[in-house]
C-alpha atoms as a PDB file:
ATOM      1  CA  MET A   1     110.642 122.731 187.272  1.00  0.00           C
ATOM      2  CA  ALA A   2     113.789 123.684 189.208  1.00  0.00           C
ATOM      3  CA  PHE A   3     116.521 121.750 189.595  1.00  0.00           C
ATOM      4  CA  SER A   4     118.753 120.932 192.520  1.00  0.00           C
ATOM      5  CA  LEU A   5     122.310 120.165 192.774  1.00  0.00           C
ATOM      6  CA  PHE A   6     121.526 116.629 193.497  1.00  0.00           C
ATOM      7  CA  PRO A   7     120.791 114.204 190.307  1.00  0.00           C
ATOM      8  CA  ALA A   8     119.163 111.734 192.504  1.00  0.00           C
ATOM      9  CA  VAL A   9     116.173 114.051 193.614  1.00  0.00           C
ATOM     10  CA  ASN A  10     115.940 115.679 189.971  1.00  0.00           C
ATOM     11  CA  TYR A  11     115.327 112.004 189.034  1.00  0.00           C
ATOM     12  CA  LEU A  12     112.836 110.960 191.782  1.00  0.00           C
ATOM     13  CA  VAL A  13     110.825 114.132 191.171  1.00  0.00           C
ATOM     14  CA  TRP A  14     110.752 113.394 187.566  1.00  0.00           C
ATOM     15  CA  LEU A  15     109.467 109.816 188.518  1.00  0.00           C
ATOM     16  CA  SER A  16     107.012 110.784 190.661  1.00  0.00           C
ATOM     17  CA  VAL A  17     105.173 113.449 188.107  1.00  0.00           C
ATOM     18  CA  ARG A  18     105.651 110.734 185.254  1.00  0.00           C
ATOM     19  CA  SER A  19     103.843 108.203 187.110  1.00  0.00           C
ATOM     20  CA  ARG A  20     100.942 110.819 187.714  1.00  0.00           C
ATOM     21  CA  VAL A  21     100.542 112.164 184.516  1.00  0.00           C
ATOM     22  CA  ARG A  22      98.447 110.056 182.212  1.00  0.00           C
ATOM     23  CA  PRO A  23      98.534 110.353 178.471  1.00  0.00           C
ATOM     24  CA  LEU A  24      95.235 111.231 176.440  1.00  0.00           C
ATOM     25  CA  SER A  25      97.357 108.877 173.720  1.00  0.00           C
ATOM     26  CA  GLN A  26      95.955 105.313 175.691  1.00  0.00           C
ATOM     27  CA  PRO A  27      93.177 103.503 173.853  1.00  0.00           C
ATOM     28  CA  ASP A  28      90.701 103.227 176.517  1.00  0.00           C
ATOM     29  CA  ALA A  29      91.113 107.264 176.942  1.00  0.00           C
ATOM     30  CA  VAL A  30      90.571 107.455 173.663  1.00  0.00           C
ATOM     31  CA  SER A  31      88.205 104.849 172.510  1.00  0.00           C
ATOM     32  CA  GLY A  32      84.259 104.688 173.020  1.00  0.00           C
ATOM     33  CA  LYS A  33      84.987 101.815 175.094  1.00  0.00           C
ATOM     34  CA  TYR A  34      83.130 103.706 177.905  1.00  0.00           C
ATOM     35  CA  LEU A  35      80.646 105.434 176.461  1.00  0.00           C
ATOM     36  CA  ASP A  36      77.940 102.665 176.706  1.00  0.00           C
ATOM     37  CA  ASP A  37      77.738 102.984 181.090  1.00  0.00           C
ATOM     38  CA  PRO A  38      76.942 106.732 181.292  1.00  0.00           C
ATOM     39  CA  TRP A  39      77.188 106.817 185.048  1.00  0.00           C
ATOM     40  CA  ARG A  40      81.092 106.102 184.821  1.00  0.00           C
ATOM     41  CA  THR A  41      83.001 108.654 186.427  1.00  0.00           C
ATOM     42  CA  ALA A  42      86.727 109.707 186.071  1.00  0.00           C
ATOM     43  CA  ALA A  43      87.352 108.388 189.494  1.00  0.00           C
ATOM     44  CA  ASP A  44      85.948 104.976 187.912  1.00  0.00           C
ATOM     45  CA  LEU A  45      88.361 105.100 184.860  1.00  0.00           C
ATOM     46  CA  THR A  46      91.787 105.649 186.703  1.00  0.00           C
ATOM     47  CA  TRP A  47      91.386 102.634 189.141  1.00  0.00           C
ATOM     48  CA  GLU A  48      90.443 100.214 186.682  1.00  0.00           C
ATOM     49  CA  LYS A  49      93.117  97.420 186.150  1.00  0.00           C
ATOM     50  CA  SER A  50      95.339  98.666 182.827  1.00  0.00           C
ATOM     51  CA  PRO A  51      98.841  98.305 181.724  1.00  0.00           C
ATOM     52  CA  SER A  52      98.871 101.837 182.730  1.00  0.00           C
ATOM     53  CA  ALA A  53      97.816 101.529 185.968  1.00  0.00           C
ATOM     54  CA  GLU A  54     100.429  98.444 186.718  1.00  0.00           C
ATOM     55  CA  LYS A  55     102.961 101.322 185.452  1.00  0.00           C
ATOM     56  CA  THR A  56     101.887 103.407 187.778  1.00  0.00           C
ATOM     57  CA  GLN A  57     101.736 101.253 190.767  1.00  0.00           C
ATOM     58  CA  THR A  58     105.345  99.877 189.840  1.00  0.00           C
ATOM     59  CA  GLY A  59     107.409 103.255 189.124  1.00  0.00           C
ATOM     60  CA  SER A  60     105.706 104.543 192.897  1.00  0.00           C
ATOM     61  CA  TRP A  61     107.214 101.677 194.489  1.00  0.00           C
ATOM     62  CA  PHE A  62     110.104 102.273 192.564  1.00  0.00           C
ATOM     63  CA  VAL A  63     109.941 105.844 193.850  1.00  0.00           C
ATOM     64  CA  ALA A  64     109.371 104.615 197.659  1.00  0.00           C
ATOM     65  CA  LEU A  65     112.111 102.244 197.488  1.00  0.00           C
ATOM     66  CA  SER A  66     115.032 104.473 195.929  1.00  0.00           C
ATOM     67  CA  LEU A  67     113.410 107.529 198.779  1.00  0.00           C
ATOM     68  CA  SER A  68     114.306 104.783 201.174  1.00  0.00           C
ATOM     69  CA  ALA A  69     117.403 103.840 199.824  1.00  0.00           C
ATOM     70  CA  LEU A  70     118.523 107.329 200.260  1.00  0.00           C
ATOM     71  CA  VAL A  71     116.964 108.297 203.518  1.00  0.00           C
ATOM     72  CA  LEU A  72     119.207 105.383 204.890  1.00  0.00           C
ATOM     73  CA  ILE A  73     122.512 106.391 203.198  1.00  0.00           C
ATOM     74  CA  MET A  74     121.990 109.782 204.197  1.00  0.00           C
ATOM     75  CA  TYR A  75     120.818 108.987 207.761  1.00  0.00           C
ATOM     76  CA  THR A  76     123.674 106.265 208.416  1.00  0.00           C
ATOM     77  CA  SER A  77     125.588 108.243 211.059  1.00  0.00           C
ATOM     78  CA  VAL A  78     122.136 109.321 212.906  1.00  0.00           C
ATOM     79  CA  LEU A  79     120.773 105.747 213.050  1.00  0.00           C
ATOM     80  CA  SER A  80     124.608 104.641 214.084  1.00  0.00           C
ATOM     81  CA  SER A  81     124.758 107.180 216.638  1.00  0.00           C
ATOM     82  CA  LEU A  82     121.616 106.777 217.661  1.00  0.00           C
ATOM     83  CA  ALA A  83     121.540 102.927 218.153  1.00  0.00           C
ATOM     84  CA  LYS A  84     125.252 103.489 220.280  1.00  0.00           C
ATOM     85  CA  GLN A  85     123.289 105.621 222.344  1.00  0.00           C
ATOM     86  CA  TRP A  86     120.178 103.088 222.766  1.00  0.00           C
ATOM     87  CA  TRP A  87     122.913 100.298 223.782  1.00  0.00           C
ATOM     88  CA  ASN A  88     125.064 102.087 226.209  1.00  0.00           C
ATOM     89  CA  ASP A  89     122.258 104.373 227.942  1.00  0.00           C
ATOM     90  CA  PRO A  90     120.113 101.965 230.160  1.00  0.00           C
ATOM     91  CA  ASN A  91     117.217 105.251 230.262  1.00  0.00           C
ATOM     92  CA  TYR A  92     116.734 104.782 226.201  1.00  0.00           C
ATOM     93  CA  GLY A  93     117.389 100.785 225.920  1.00  0.00           C
ATOM     94  CA  HIS A  94     113.322 100.786 224.932  1.00  0.00           C
ATOM     95  CA  GLY A  95     114.663 102.709 221.637  1.00  0.00           C
ATOM     96  CA  PHE A  96     115.060  99.366 219.858  1.00  0.00           C
ATOM     97  CA  PHE A  97     111.948  98.422 220.408  1.00  0.00           C
ATOM     98  CA  VAL A  98     109.624 101.785 219.254  1.00  0.00           C
ATOM     99  CA  PRO A  99     110.591 100.891 215.605  1.00  0.00           C
ATOM    100  CA  VAL A 100     109.077  97.378 216.072  1.00  0.00           C
ATOM    101  CA  PHE A 101     106.164  98.493 217.743  1.00  0.00           C
ATOM    102  CA  ALA A 102     105.485 101.218 215.174  1.00  0.00           C
ATOM    103  CA  GLY A 103     105.670  98.582 212.585  1.00  0.00           C
ATOM    104  CA  CYS A 104     103.559  96.309 214.568  1.00  0.00           C
ATOM    105  CA  VAL A 105     100.872  99.224 214.865  1.00  0.00           C
ATOM    106  CA  LEU A 106     101.277  99.582 210.710  1.00  0.00           C
ATOM    107  CA  TRP A 107     100.849  95.997 210.143  1.00  0.00           C
ATOM    108  CA  SER A 108      97.746  95.368 212.429  1.00  0.00           C
ATOM    109  CA  GLN A 109      96.081  98.257 210.873  1.00  0.00           C
ATOM    110  CA  ARG A 110      97.253  97.510 207.314  1.00  0.00           C
ATOM    111  CA  ASP A 111      93.846  96.796 205.982  1.00  0.00           C
ATOM    112  CA  ARG A 112      92.369 100.597 206.831  1.00  0.00           C
ATOM    113  CA  TRP A 113      95.220 102.310 205.744  1.00  0.00           C
ATOM    114  CA  ARG A 114      95.119 100.241 201.889  1.00  0.00           C
ATOM    115  CA  LEU A 115      91.937 101.378 201.783  1.00  0.00           C
ATOM    116  CA  LEU A 116      92.768 105.219 201.635  1.00  0.00           C
ATOM    117  CA  PRO A 117      93.005 106.458 197.931  1.00  0.00           C
ATOM    118  CA  PHE A 118      97.200 107.200 197.304  1.00  0.00           C
ATOM    119  CA  ARG A 119      96.971 110.905 196.589  1.00  0.00           C
ATOM    120  CA  PRO A 120     100.286 112.147 196.194  1.00  0.00           C
ATOM    121  CA  ASN A 121     101.012 115.810 197.468  1.00  0.00           C
ATOM    122  CA  ASN A 122     104.032 117.942 196.167  1.00  0.00           C
ATOM    123  CA  PHE A 123     103.792 119.476 199.720  1.00  0.00           C
ATOM    124  CA  GLY A 124     105.448 116.780 201.110  1.00  0.00           C
ATOM    125  CA  PHE A 125     108.936 117.544 199.002  1.00  0.00           C
ATOM    126  CA  ALA A 126     109.031 120.691 200.831  1.00  0.00           C
ATOM    127  CA  ILE A 127     108.387 118.981 204.254  1.00  0.00           C
ATOM    128  CA  MET A 128     111.749 116.511 202.866  1.00  0.00           C
ATOM    129  CA  LEU A 129     113.559 119.509 202.305  1.00  0.00           C
ATOM    130  CA  PHE A 130     112.622 121.115 205.531  1.00  0.00           C
ATOM    131  CA  ALA A 131     113.980 117.709 207.061  1.00  0.00           C
ATOM    132  CA  ILE A 132     117.077 117.643 205.274  1.00  0.00           C
ATOM    133  CA  ALA A 133     117.619 121.210 206.247  1.00  0.00           C
ATOM    134  CA  LEU A 134     117.185 120.641 209.836  1.00  0.00           C
ATOM    135  CA  ARG A 135     119.561 117.619 209.730  1.00  0.00           C
ATOM    136  CA  VAL A 136     122.351 119.153 207.997  1.00  0.00           C
ATOM    137  CA  LEU A 137     121.868 122.117 210.829  1.00  0.00           C
ATOM    138  CA  GLY A 138     121.754 119.534 213.020  1.00  0.00           C
ATOM    139  CA  MET A 139     124.937 117.861 212.420  1.00  0.00           C
ATOM    140  CA  LEU A 140     126.665 121.198 211.629  1.00  0.00           C
ATOM    141  CA  GLY A 141     126.014 122.259 214.764  1.00  0.00           C
ATOM    142  CA  ALA A 142     126.959 119.204 216.829  1.00  0.00           C
ATOM    143  CA  GLU A 143     122.940 118.708 217.782  1.00  0.00           C
ATOM    144  CA  LEU A 144     122.062 115.325 217.369  1.00  0.00           C
ATOM    145  CA  PHE A 145     118.379 115.744 219.059  1.00  0.00           C
ATOM    146  CA  ILE A 146     117.321 118.429 215.940  1.00  0.00           C
ATOM    147  CA  ALA A 147     119.386 115.516 213.352  1.00  0.00           C
ATOM    148  CA  ARG A 148     117.698 112.568 214.901  1.00  0.00           C
ATOM    149  CA  LEU A 149     114.093 114.487 215.149  1.00  0.00           C
ATOM    150  CA  SER A 150     114.458 115.415 211.261  1.00  0.00           C
ATOM    151  CA  LEU A 151     114.080 111.784 210.659  1.00  0.00           C
ATOM    152  CA  VAL A 152     110.734 111.469 211.857  1.00  0.00           C
ATOM    153  CA  ILE A 153     109.848 114.609 209.596  1.00  0.00           C
ATOM    154  CA  LEU A 154     111.358 113.729 206.812  1.00  0.00           C
ATOM    155  CA  ILE A 155     109.623 109.946 206.822  1.00  0.00           C
ATOM    156  CA  SER A 156     106.332 112.242 207.299  1.00  0.00           C
ATOM    157  CA  GLY A 157     107.033 114.172 204.212  1.00  0.00           C
ATOM    158  CA  ILE A 158     107.886 111.188 202.236  1.00  0.00           C
ATOM    159  CA  VAL A 159     104.406 109.736 202.988  1.00  0.00           C
ATOM    160  CA  VAL A 160     102.954 113.023 202.061  1.00  0.00           C
ATOM    161  CA  PHE A 161     104.588 113.255 198.737  1.00  0.00           C
ATOM    162  CA  LEU A 162     104.031 109.788 197.971  1.00  0.00           C
ATOM    163  CA  ALA A 163     100.490 108.892 199.561  1.00  0.00           C
ATOM    164  CA  GLY A 164      98.804 112.008 200.560  1.00  0.00           C
ATOM    165  CA  SER A 165      97.824 114.026 203.664  1.00  0.00           C
ATOM    166  CA  GLN A 166      94.901 111.637 204.267  1.00  0.00           C
ATOM    167  CA  MET A 167      97.531 108.884 204.610  1.00  0.00           C
ATOM    168  CA  LEU A 168      99.927 110.737 206.518  1.00  0.00           C
ATOM    169  CA  ARG A 169      96.494 111.160 209.196  1.00  0.00           C
ATOM    170  CA  SER A 170      95.540 107.501 209.141  1.00  0.00           C
ATOM    171  CA  ILE A 171      99.446 106.724 210.114  1.00  0.00           C
ATOM    172  CA  ALA A 172      99.625 109.690 212.022  1.00  0.00           C
ATOM    173  CA  PHE A 173      99.712 107.134 215.521  1.00  0.00           C
ATOM    174  CA  PRO A 174     102.947 105.030 214.839  1.00  0.00           C
ATOM    175  CA  ILE A 175     105.035 107.682 213.105  1.00  0.00           C
ATOM    176  CA  GLY A 176     104.376 110.158 216.139  1.00  0.00           C
ATOM    177  CA  TYR A 177     105.373 107.066 218.392  1.00  0.00           C
ATOM    178  CA  LEU A 178     108.634 107.041 216.969  1.00  0.00           C
ATOM    179  CA  LEU A 179     109.608 110.390 218.280  1.00  0.00           C
ATOM    180  CA  PHE A 180     109.535 107.935 221.770  1.00  0.00           C
ATOM    181  CA  MET A 181     113.197 106.429 220.055  1.00  0.00           C
ATOM    182  CA  ILE A 182     114.833 109.830 220.173  1.00  0.00           C
ATOM    183  CA  PRO A 183     116.842 110.459 223.370  1.00  0.00           C
ATOM    184  CA  LEU A 184     116.377 113.897 224.857  1.00  0.00           C
ATOM    185  CA  PRO A 185     119.111 116.173 224.612  1.00  0.00           C
ATOM    186  CA  THR A 186     121.096 116.792 227.846  1.00  0.00           C
ATOM    187  CA  MET A 187     121.469 119.887 229.512  1.00  0.00           C
ATOM    188  CA  CYS A 188     124.567 120.966 230.966  1.00  0.00           C
ATOM    189  CA  ILE A 189     123.969 123.791 233.748  1.00  0.00           C
ATOM    190  CA  THR A 190     127.568 124.779 235.721  1.00  0.00           C
ATOM    191  CA  SER A 191     127.193 127.476 238.357  1.00  0.00           C
END
């Protein structure tokens, strides 16, 4: 595993890998407890209630909350400039309601996406790195549109990293709808 310059990213990657690996030393995996039912599959064994499954779920929530906190810290300046533009520009006053609407759609469809299995995908980490690079380039080039767009891409990468691409397809409408909160770049044409 390659290490980055950011210890927090290393820690989150380590937590996600640790929560996905199921050690063979668990009593239910080694004992003959499951030999009485020959029709059981490996998928049945991994989703049962067990202390290790609860630890995995707790670890996933911890990773999700840690990533959310890092996103808020990293995008504070972008979000504050976005809110100022929503407040001052009457063309984008609807921007305050777009995240609320996306959250309402997610909440109303929660039964559908809760049934989907969580299959974390490491490709989401590459998407997150791409979004962070876009944010850095957008801030260095003073291009707020790219920095703001990187937030939606980062959210998509986090969903793929923690829950998988099937989950991203399931919640693609609310995440895609977040694009309507980003003001379009202005073009100055002088002649």
